[in-house]
Amino acid sequence: MPRLWRLPTLVILLLAGLVVEALLFPFASPALRRRVIRIWSRALVSACGVAIDCDPALAAAADGRLIVANHVSWLDIFAINAAAPSAFVAKAEIRRWPLVGLLVAAAGTVFIERSRRHAVHQAIERLRERMHNGWPAAVFPEATTSDGRCLLPFYANLIEVACDDGVDVLVVGLRYRGPDDQWPEALTYVGDTTFMASLWRVLGARGVRVDVVLIETMTSAGRTRHDLAARARVALSCRLALPLADS
């Protein structure tokens, strides 16, 4: 069973990541930190048994820009970081995940308490700070994971950071495939599925791969956040052949 070697490898990788972040990151340059995050993220995805193919154009174009991507799994953050290490916005619950929560927090993730009144505004300010320091920022406008067979409605609030600063928006597609090129059921992470249950299923899957593809670069000049969200959603739907959930 693949879990027999994947799970120990993953635990070792997570512990090594904590050590590196504690001992190296306080003294490392931003460029070195991003290189380490890229290598470590690719290793983590591989340790979960998922082959990854990253579009080199994304890494070349990402600095200081906003990445907008579809959201289907907790693996999405690591898949994008394997191509272009970014400052993500994630729900606050992720901070409490075993080991993973500590790692994504140390990597510069912006956590958002969605029940708080000014949570979005505070998240935008933190994203802006990171982008001004040259980091890409990354958001999932669906705000939750889909079942991989459609695109949920997009929420445009966090895309405001691109409009305010006039930065380009990179539309990034995440496509997971099983051995038969169809959606791999082990990746389904919706409803009452817990992180640990999802992790167990992923570790037991075979022949899963993920493609991280730069679909389009959009200028934010003269566009509202709602325009950008709508255009990004259509571009993702067309490129990934995913129907819109509200159509």
Foldseek 3Di string as FASTA:
>chain_A
DLLVQLVVQLVVLLVVLVVCLVPPVVPDDPVVLLVVLLVSLCVNCVSLQAAEAEDQVCQVPFWLAEEEEAAAAPNVQSNVSNRAQAAEEDEPVLCVPPSRNVNNVSSHHHYFDVVDDCRLVVSLVSRLVVSVVTGYYYYYQLRDHDQLQAGEQGDLSSVVSCLVVFHKYWQKYKHKAAPVRDHDNLRGDDDPDDPVNSSVSSSPGHRIYIYIDGQDIGTSPPHDSVRVRVVSRVSRCVVRVHHHPVD
